[in-house]
């Protein structure tokens, strides 16, 4: 990243990243739920990926709204 950007552009980029992380988290959670019955190992991997995107989303949310209440999505049931 060699370009100098102002605070507004940086905030726009962070918000785009936050939106992308939210979309990916939602997609992986849906995939985990759909794989639970047929592919438990795939469901576990999808749930792990959903949690990774959830962590990214929480960090970006804290940057945009410091101290705000965290947005909670419906959790994925752990497959054992």
Protein backbone atom coordinates (compact mmCIF):
# COMPACT_ATOMS: atom_id res chain seq x y z
CA UNK A 1 0.00 0.00 0.00
CA UNK A 2 2.03 2.90 -1.29
CA UNK A 3 -0.79 5.41 -1.83
CA UNK A 4 -1.45 8.00 0.82
CA UNK A 5 -5.15 8.03 1.70
CA UNK A 6 -7.18 10.33 3.87
CA UNK A 7 -9.27 9.20 6.84
CA UNK A 8 -12.50 9.09 4.82
CA UNK A 9 -11.00 6.75 2.22
CA UNK A 10 -9.53 4.56 4.93
CA UNK A 11 -12.92 4.34 6.63
CA UNK A 12 -14.57 3.41 3.30
CA UNK A 13 -12.03 0.63 2.79
CA UNK A 14 -12.53 -0.70 6.31
CA UNK A 15 -16.31 -0.69 5.82
CA UNK A 16 -15.95 -2.58 2.52
CA UNK A 17 -13.78 -5.13 4.30
CA UNK A 18 -16.35 -5.40 7.07
CA UNK A 19 -19.14 -5.99 4.55
CA UNK A 20 -17.08 -8.64 2.79
CA UNK A 21 -16.29 -10.40 6.08
CA UNK A 22 -20.00 -10.38 7.01
CA UNK A 23 -20.97 -11.90 3.65
CA UNK A 24 -18.31 -14.59 3.91
CA UNK A 25 -19.24 -15.41 7.50
CA UNK A 26 -22.89 -15.79 6.51
CA UNK A 27 -22.02 -17.97 3.50
CA UNK A 28 -19.77 -20.29 5.53
CA UNK A 29 -22.38 -20.60 8.31
CA UNK A 30 -25.00 -21.58 5.75
CA UNK A 31 -22.62 -24.09 4.23
CA UNK A 32 -21.85 -25.57 7.65
CA UNK A 33 -25.54 -26.00 8.34
CA UNK A 34 -26.19 -27.62 4.97
CA UNK A 35 -23.28 -30.06 5.40
CA UNK A 36 -24.05 -31.11 8.97
CA UNK A 37 -26.06 -34.22 8.05
CA UNK A 38 -24.08 -35.38 5.03
CA UNK A 39 -20.48 -34.31 5.65
CA UNK A 40 -19.60 -33.74 9.33
CA UNK A 41 -15.92 -33.05 8.56
CA UNK A 42 -16.86 -30.51 5.88
CA UNK A 43 -19.33 -28.94 8.30
CA UNK A 44 -16.60 -28.56 10.92
CA UNK A 45 -14.26 -26.93 8.42
CA UNK A 46 -17.01 -24.56 7.23
CA UNK A 47 -17.84 -23.68 10.85
CA UNK A 48 -14.15 -22.93 11.51
CA UNK A 49 -14.03 -20.64 8.49
CA UNK A 50 -17.21 -18.89 9.64
CA UNK A 51 -15.62 -18.27 13.05
CA UNK A 52 -12.49 -16.86 11.38
CA UNK A 53 -14.57 -14.38 9.39
CA UNK A 54 -16.53 -13.57 12.55
CA UNK A 55 -13.27 -12.63 14.28
CA UNK A 56 -12.26 -10.38 11.38
CA UNK A 57 -15.70 -8.81 11.41
CA UNK A 58 -15.49 -8.09 15.14
CA UNK A 59 -12.09 -6.42 14.77
CA UNK A 60 -13.26 -4.22 11.89
CA UNK A 61 -16.46 -3.39 13.76
CA UNK A 62 -14.41 -2.28 16.77
CA UNK A 63 -12.37 0.01 14.50
CA UNK A 64 -15.50 1.59 13.01
CA UNK A 65 -17.57 1.68 16.23
CA UNK A 66 -15.22 1.55 19.24
CA UNK A 67 -16.89 0.22 22.35
CA UNK A 68 -20.14 -0.56 20.55
CA UNK A 69 -22.12 -3.67 21.24
CA UNK A 70 -20.89 -6.53 19.07
CA UNK A 71 -23.16 -7.72 16.28
CA UNK A 72 -24.05 -11.36 16.94
CA UNK A 73 -25.07 -13.75 14.22
CA UNK A 74 -26.77 -17.02 14.95
CA UNK A 75 -24.05 -19.43 15.90
CA UNK A 76 -23.21 -22.63 14.16
CA UNK A 77 -23.74 -25.74 16.21
CA UNK A 78 -20.45 -27.59 16.74
CA UNK A 79 -20.45 -30.94 15.00
CA UNK A 80 -18.76 -33.74 16.90
